[in-house]
Amino acid sequence: MIEFNHDLWLARAEARFKRASKGVTAKSHRDEIKGQFLREVRCIAGLAEVIGWCGIKGVRVSFGKKVGAAYDAIEKTVTIAGRMSPEKQLYFLLHECGHHLIGFDEGDERFGRGYPLATDPNHNATFQHRLACLEEEIEAWHRGWRLAKRLGLEIDREDFDKIRAECLRSYVRWANGRRLMLTE
């Protein structure tokens, strides 16, 4: 696990840009590569902003080898896959911050039966529980988007929704009784 390092993330983006640019002669392709680089730089700045917000809220963020992202409400930690693009890291981080904003209060009328703290395996197997989990996932994406807007981040709504839909698709399948696959 590593902590976020703005300079390291920028150096990696610059290295990707140089590799992608090497030998490219067509102006349209160079412009496309430059646009992707600038997008990554903007997302890295967004990561820094959201990680700063997390620090204020007492949430620790680290990057590891596991696929996807996770929020541990008890430890107040977010773990993000280190190999994802900065854009995906930002979107996943916002989503996990959405879970933090929801909280896991057992007394919460809407999300108190959320999956991390449900200890009864019989309850966990019910469609009602799976549906509550799906509802929470949808809400976490919504709150993550609202956090991005509150922080004034420049985020492409269409791209955010594309990642959101990919992730929610796996939860819909799981709620319907299929295996949960966050990498589909």
C-alpha atoms as a PDB file:
ATOM      1  CA  MET A   1       0.000   0.000   0.000  1.00  0.00           C
ATOM      2  CA  ILE A   2       1.204   3.461  -0.830  1.00  0.00           C
ATOM      3  CA  GLU A   3      -0.050   6.904   0.025  1.00  0.00           C
ATOM      4  CA  PHE A   4      -0.942   9.452  -2.649  1.00  0.00           C
ATOM      5  CA  ASN A   5       2.049  11.415  -3.926  1.00  0.00           C
ATOM      6  CA  HIS A   6       1.068  14.221  -6.284  1.00  0.00           C
ATOM      7  CA  ASP A   7       4.527  14.453  -7.872  1.00  0.00           C
ATOM      8  CA  LEU A   8       4.703  10.682  -8.442  1.00  0.00           C
ATOM      9  CA  TRP A   9       1.245  10.605 -10.063  1.00  0.00           C
ATOM     10  CA  LEU A  10       2.253  13.514 -12.334  1.00  0.00           C
ATOM     11  CA  ALA A  11       5.553  11.832 -13.240  1.00  0.00           C
ATOM     12  CA  ARG A  12       3.673   8.651 -14.194  1.00  0.00           C
ATOM     13  CA  ALA A  13       1.230  10.644 -16.330  1.00  0.00           C
ATOM     14  CA  GLU A  14       4.099  12.430 -18.038  1.00  0.00           C
ATOM     15  CA  ALA A  15       5.866   9.111 -18.709  1.00  0.00           C
ATOM     16  CA  ARG A  16       2.661   7.704 -20.262  1.00  0.00           C
ATOM     17  CA  PHE A  17       2.364  10.853 -22.370  1.00  0.00           C
ATOM     18  CA  LYS A  18       5.958  10.559 -23.612  1.00  0.00           C
ATOM     19  CA  ARG A  19       5.547   6.859 -24.445  1.00  0.00           C
ATOM     20  CA  ALA A  20       2.267   7.508 -26.287  1.00  0.00           C
ATOM     21  CA  SER A  21       3.742  10.491 -28.164  1.00  0.00           C
ATOM     22  CA  LYS A  22       6.887   8.749 -29.313  1.00  0.00           C
ATOM     23  CA  GLY A  23       6.936   8.518 -33.088  1.00  0.00           C
ATOM     24  CA  VAL A  24       3.459  10.052 -33.535  1.00  0.00           C
ATOM     25  CA  THR A  25       3.411  12.371 -36.531  1.00  0.00           C
ATOM     26  CA  ALA A  26      -0.271  12.997 -37.208  1.00  0.00           C
ATOM     27  CA  LYS A  27      -1.399  16.246 -35.597  1.00  0.00           C
ATOM     28  CA  SER A  28      -4.848  14.870 -34.752  1.00  0.00           C
ATOM     29  CA  HIS A  29      -3.320  11.928 -32.893  1.00  0.00           C
ATOM     30  CA  ARG A  30      -0.826  14.206 -31.065  1.00  0.00           C
ATOM     31  CA  ASP A  31      -3.715  16.455 -30.018  1.00  0.00           C
ATOM     32  CA  GLU A  32      -5.659  13.440 -28.755  1.00  0.00           C
ATOM     33  CA  ILE A  33      -2.668  12.238 -26.706  1.00  0.00           C
ATOM     34  CA  LYS A  34      -2.112  15.738 -25.314  1.00  0.00           C
ATOM     35  CA  GLY A  35      -5.813  15.987 -24.404  1.00  0.00           C
ATOM     36  CA  GLN A  36      -5.601  12.700 -22.510  1.00  0.00           C
ATOM     37  CA  PHE A  37      -2.507  13.945 -20.654  1.00  0.00           C
ATOM     38  CA  LEU A  38      -4.245  17.188 -19.661  1.00  0.00           C
ATOM     39  CA  ARG A  39      -7.274  15.181 -18.514  1.00  0.00           C
ATOM     40  CA  GLU A  40      -5.013  13.023 -16.322  1.00  0.00           C
ATOM     41  CA  VAL A  41      -3.374  16.131 -14.849  1.00  0.00           C
ATOM     42  CA  ARG A  42      -6.828  17.523 -14.012  1.00  0.00           C
ATOM     43  CA  CYS A  43      -7.841  14.203 -12.404  1.00  0.00           C
ATOM     44  CA  ILE A  44      -4.628  14.087 -10.371  1.00  0.00           C
ATOM     45  CA  ALA A  45      -5.428  17.574  -9.065  1.00  0.00           C
ATOM     46  CA  GLY A  46      -8.929  16.271  -8.255  1.00  0.00           C
ATOM     47  CA  LEU A  47      -7.455  13.300  -6.395  1.00  0.00           C
ATOM     48  CA  ALA A  48      -5.334  15.673  -4.330  1.00  0.00           C
ATOM     49  CA  GLU A  49      -8.396  17.780  -3.532  1.00  0.00           C
ATOM     50  CA  VAL A  50     -10.556  14.819  -2.500  1.00  0.00           C
ATOM     51  CA  ILE A  51      -7.739  13.234  -0.474  1.00  0.00           C
ATOM     52  CA  GLY A  52      -7.354  16.578   1.313  1.00  0.00           C
ATOM     53  CA  TRP A  53     -11.088  16.507   2.090  1.00  0.00           C
ATOM     54  CA  CYS A  54     -10.677  12.937   3.366  1.00  0.00           C
ATOM     55  CA  GLY A  55      -7.879  14.066   5.677  1.00  0.00           C
ATOM     56  CA  ILE A  56     -10.139  16.724   7.184  1.00  0.00           C
ATOM     57  CA  LYS A  57     -12.824  14.062   7.737  1.00  0.00           C
ATOM     58  CA  GLY A  58     -10.345  11.644   9.333  1.00  0.00           C
ATOM     59  CA  VAL A  59     -10.436   9.171   6.430  1.00  0.00           C
ATOM     60  CA  ARG A  60      -7.121   7.663   5.340  1.00  0.00           C
ATOM     61  CA  VAL A  61      -6.624   6.932   1.623  1.00  0.00           C
ATOM     62  CA  SER A  62      -4.100   4.469   0.238  1.00  0.00           C
ATOM     63  CA  PHE A  63      -3.429   2.772  -3.063  1.00  0.00           C
ATOM     64  CA  GLY A  64      -2.795  -0.947  -3.401  1.00  0.00           C
ATOM     65  CA  LYS A  65      -2.773  -3.919  -5.738  1.00  0.00           C
ATOM     66  CA  LYS A  66      -6.369  -5.078  -5.298  1.00  0.00           C
ATOM     67  CA  VAL A  67      -8.852  -4.425  -8.092  1.00  0.00           C
ATOM     68  CA  GLY A  68     -11.408  -1.649  -7.604  1.00  0.00           C
ATOM     69  CA  ALA A  69     -11.839   0.245  -4.371  1.00  0.00           C
ATOM     70  CA  ALA A  70     -13.178  -0.264  -0.857  1.00  0.00           C
ATOM     71  CA  TYR A  71     -14.236   1.787   2.149  1.00  0.00           C
ATOM     72  CA  ASP A  72     -13.777   0.397   5.649  1.00  0.00           C
ATOM     73  CA  ALA A  73     -16.194   2.295   7.880  1.00  0.00           C
ATOM     74  CA  ILE A  74     -14.707   0.964  11.116  1.00  0.00           C
ATOM     75  CA  GLU A  75     -11.112   1.874  10.239  1.00  0.00           C
ATOM     76  CA  LYS A  76     -12.195   4.940   8.213  1.00  0.00           C
ATOM     77  CA  THR A  77      -9.942   3.961   5.322  1.00  0.00           C
ATOM     78  CA  VAL A  78     -10.322   3.947   1.572  1.00  0.00           C
ATOM     79  CA  THR A  79      -8.188   1.658  -0.572  1.00  0.00           C
ATOM     80  CA  ILE A  80      -7.987   2.308  -4.308  1.00  0.00           C
ATOM     81  CA  ALA A  81      -6.354   0.151  -6.985  1.00  0.00           C
ATOM     82  CA  GLY A  82      -3.015   1.738  -7.796  1.00  0.00           C
ATOM     83  CA  ARG A  83      -2.987   0.511 -11.392  1.00  0.00           C
ATOM     84  CA  MET A  84      -6.172   2.283 -12.468  1.00  0.00           C
ATOM     85  CA  SER A  85      -5.993   5.484 -14.458  1.00  0.00           C
ATOM     86  CA  PRO A  86      -6.079   8.689 -12.390  1.00  0.00           C
ATOM     87  CA  GLU A  87      -9.567   9.336 -13.771  1.00  0.00           C
ATOM     88  CA  LYS A  88     -10.906   5.991 -12.527  1.00  0.00           C
ATOM     89  CA  GLN A  89      -9.080   6.445  -9.230  1.00  0.00           C
ATOM     90  CA  LEU A  90     -10.814   9.793  -8.793  1.00  0.00           C
ATOM     91  CA  TYR A  91     -14.259   8.424  -9.617  1.00  0.00           C
ATOM     92  CA  PHE A  92     -13.817   5.405  -7.350  1.00  0.00           C
ATOM     93  CA  LEU A  93     -12.499   7.629  -4.552  1.00  0.00           C
ATOM     94  CA  LEU A  94     -15.529   9.900  -4.858  1.00  0.00           C
ATOM     95  CA  HIS A  95     -17.786   6.841  -4.684  1.00  0.00           C
ATOM     96  CA  GLU A  96     -16.031   5.533  -1.553  1.00  0.00           C
ATOM     97  CA  CYS A  97     -16.335   9.012  -0.015  1.00  0.00           C
ATOM     98  CA  GLY A  98     -20.047   8.680  -0.782  1.00  0.00           C
ATOM     99  CA  HIS A  99     -20.094   5.612   1.467  1.00  0.00           C
ATOM    100  CA  HIS A 100     -18.393   7.645   4.180  1.00  0.00           C
ATOM    101  CA  LEU A 101     -20.993  10.379   3.806  1.00  0.00           C
ATOM    102  CA  ILE A 102     -23.797   7.828   4.117  1.00  0.00           C
ATOM    103  CA  GLY A 103     -22.279   6.311   7.233  1.00  0.00           C
ATOM    104  CA  PHE A 104     -23.167   2.926   8.658  1.00  0.00           C
ATOM    105  CA  ASP A 105     -25.371   3.863  11.581  1.00  0.00           C
ATOM    106  CA  GLU A 106     -27.468   0.836  12.511  1.00  0.00           C
ATOM    107  CA  GLY A 107     -30.260   3.221  13.466  1.00  0.00           C
ATOM    108  CA  ASP A 108     -30.325   4.888  10.051  1.00  0.00           C
ATOM    109  CA  GLU A 109     -33.778   4.339   8.576  1.00  0.00           C
ATOM    110  CA  ARG A 110     -32.598   4.001   4.985  1.00  0.00           C
ATOM    111  CA  PHE A 111     -29.077   2.525   5.134  1.00  0.00           C
ATOM    112  CA  GLY A 112     -28.816   1.049   8.630  1.00  0.00           C
ATOM    113  CA  ARG A 113     -29.036  -2.444   7.206  1.00  0.00           C
ATOM    114  CA  GLY A 114     -26.064  -1.872   4.916  1.00  0.00           C
ATOM    115  CA  TYR A 115     -23.894  -4.820   4.055  1.00  0.00           C
ATOM    116  CA  PRO A 116     -20.636  -4.151   5.947  1.00  0.00           C
ATOM    117  CA  LEU A 117     -22.147  -4.536   9.405  1.00  0.00           C
ATOM    118  CA  ALA A 118     -24.862  -7.129   8.698  1.00  0.00           C
ATOM    119  CA  THR A 119     -23.712 -10.163  10.685  1.00  0.00           C
ATOM    120  CA  ASP A 120     -26.642 -12.557  10.263  1.00  0.00           C
ATOM    121  CA  PRO A 121     -25.860 -14.846   7.283  1.00  0.00           C
ATOM    122  CA  ASN A 122     -29.560 -15.653   6.901  1.00  0.00           C
ATOM    123  CA  HIS A 123     -30.365 -11.966   6.517  1.00  0.00           C
ATOM    124  CA  ASN A 124     -27.422 -11.456   4.128  1.00  0.00           C
ATOM    125  CA  ALA A 125     -28.879 -14.094   1.793  1.00  0.00           C
ATOM    126  CA  THR A 126     -32.214 -12.326   1.400  1.00  0.00           C
ATOM    127  CA  PHE A 127     -33.198 -10.322  -1.656  1.00  0.00           C
ATOM    128  CA  GLN A 128     -34.271  -7.524   0.685  1.00  0.00           C
ATOM    129  CA  HIS A 129     -30.695  -7.226   2.002  1.00  0.00           C
ATOM    130  CA  ARG A 130     -29.208  -7.342  -1.495  1.00  0.00           C
ATOM    131  CA  LEU A 131     -31.618  -4.672  -2.659  1.00  0.00           C
ATOM    132  CA  ALA A 132     -30.655  -2.471   0.317  1.00  0.00           C
ATOM    133  CA  CYS A 133     -26.999  -2.918  -0.655  1.00  0.00           C
ATOM    134  CA  LEU A 134     -27.741  -1.949  -4.251  1.00  0.00           C
ATOM    135  CA  GLU A 135     -29.642   1.100  -3.052  1.00  0.00           C
ATOM    136  CA  GLU A 136     -26.672   2.098  -0.914  1.00  0.00           C
ATOM    137  CA  GLU A 137     -24.278   1.683  -3.853  1.00  0.00           C
ATOM    138  CA  ILE A 138     -26.452   3.955  -5.985  1.00  0.00           C
ATOM    139  CA  GLU A 139     -26.618   6.521  -3.189  1.00  0.00           C
ATOM    140  CA  ALA A 140     -22.836   6.404  -2.680  1.00  0.00           C
ATOM    141  CA  TRP A 141     -22.284   7.233  -6.365  1.00  0.00           C
ATOM    142  CA  HIS A 142     -24.802  10.082  -6.076  1.00  0.00           C
ATOM    143  CA  ARG A 143     -23.143  11.510  -2.971  1.00  0.00           C
ATOM    144  CA  GLY A 144     -19.716  11.151  -4.584  1.00  0.00           C
ATOM    145  CA  TRP A 145     -20.912  13.234  -7.541  1.00  0.00           C
ATOM    146  CA  ARG A 146     -22.339  15.868  -5.194  1.00  0.00           C
ATOM    147  CA  LEU A 147     -19.037  15.966  -3.285  1.00  0.00           C
ATOM    148  CA  ALA A 148     -17.182  16.583  -6.564  1.00  0.00           C
ATOM    149  CA  LYS A 149     -19.488  19.495  -7.310  1.00  0.00           C
ATOM    150  CA  ARG A 150     -19.097  20.886  -3.763  1.00  0.00           C
ATOM    151  CA  LEU A 151     -15.314  20.741  -4.129  1.00  0.00           C
ATOM    152  CA  GLY A 152     -15.526  22.459  -7.530  1.00  0.00           C
ATOM    153  CA  LEU A 153     -13.891  19.600  -9.435  1.00  0.00           C
ATOM    154  CA  GLU A 154     -13.990  19.561 -13.219  1.00  0.00           C
ATOM    155  CA  ILE A 155     -15.452  16.137 -13.922  1.00  0.00           C
ATOM    156  CA  ASP A 156     -16.954  14.837 -17.129  1.00  0.00           C
ATOM    157  CA  ARG A 157     -20.454  13.683 -16.154  1.00  0.00           C
ATOM    158  CA  GLU A 158     -20.720  11.282 -19.076  1.00  0.00           C
ATOM    159  CA  ASP A 159     -17.459   9.520 -18.175  1.00  0.00           C
ATOM    160  CA  PHE A 160     -18.357   9.471 -14.483  1.00  0.00           C
ATOM    161  CA  ASP A 161     -21.711   7.879 -15.328  1.00  0.00           C
ATOM    162  CA  LYS A 162     -20.042   5.311 -17.591  1.00  0.00           C
ATOM    163  CA  ILE A 163     -17.823   4.089 -14.707  1.00  0.00           C
ATOM    164  CA  ARG A 164     -20.785   4.284 -12.335  1.00  0.00           C
ATOM    165  CA  ALA A 165     -22.904   2.137 -14.674  1.00  0.00           C
ATOM    166  CA  GLU A 166     -20.124  -0.465 -15.051  1.00  0.00           C
ATOM    167  CA  CYS A 167     -19.889  -0.829 -11.299  1.00  0.00           C
ATOM    168  CA  LEU A 168     -23.624  -0.816 -10.640  1.00  0.00           C
ATOM    169  CA  ARG A 169     -24.211  -3.426 -13.339  1.00  0.00           C
ATOM    170  CA  SER A 170     -22.261  -5.952 -11.258  1.00  0.00           C
ATOM    171  CA  TYR A 171     -24.303  -5.088  -8.151  1.00  0.00           C
ATOM    172  CA  VAL A 172     -27.558  -5.494 -10.077  1.00  0.00           C
ATOM    173  CA  ARG A 173     -26.431  -8.964 -11.151  1.00  0.00           C
ATOM    174  CA  TRP A 174     -25.425  -9.785  -7.575  1.00  0.00           C
ATOM    175  CA  ALA A 175     -28.765  -8.525  -6.193  1.00  0.00           C
ATOM    176  CA  ASN A 176     -30.449 -10.788  -8.705  1.00  0.00           C
ATOM    177  CA  GLY A 177     -28.582 -13.774  -7.245  1.00  0.00           C
ATOM    178  CA  ARG A 178     -25.527 -13.844  -9.459  1.00  0.00           C
ATOM    179  CA  ARG A 179     -21.898 -13.671  -8.392  1.00  0.00           C
ATOM    180  CA  LEU A 180     -20.492 -10.173  -7.646  1.00  0.00           C
ATOM    181  CA  MET A 181     -17.825  -9.257 -10.217  1.00  0.00           C
ATOM    182  CA  LEU A 182     -16.521  -5.705  -9.892  1.00  0.00           C
ATOM    183  CA  THR A 183     -14.234  -6.149 -12.870  1.00  0.00           C
ATOM    184  CA  GLU A 184     -16.880  -6.970 -15.517  1.00  0.00           C
END
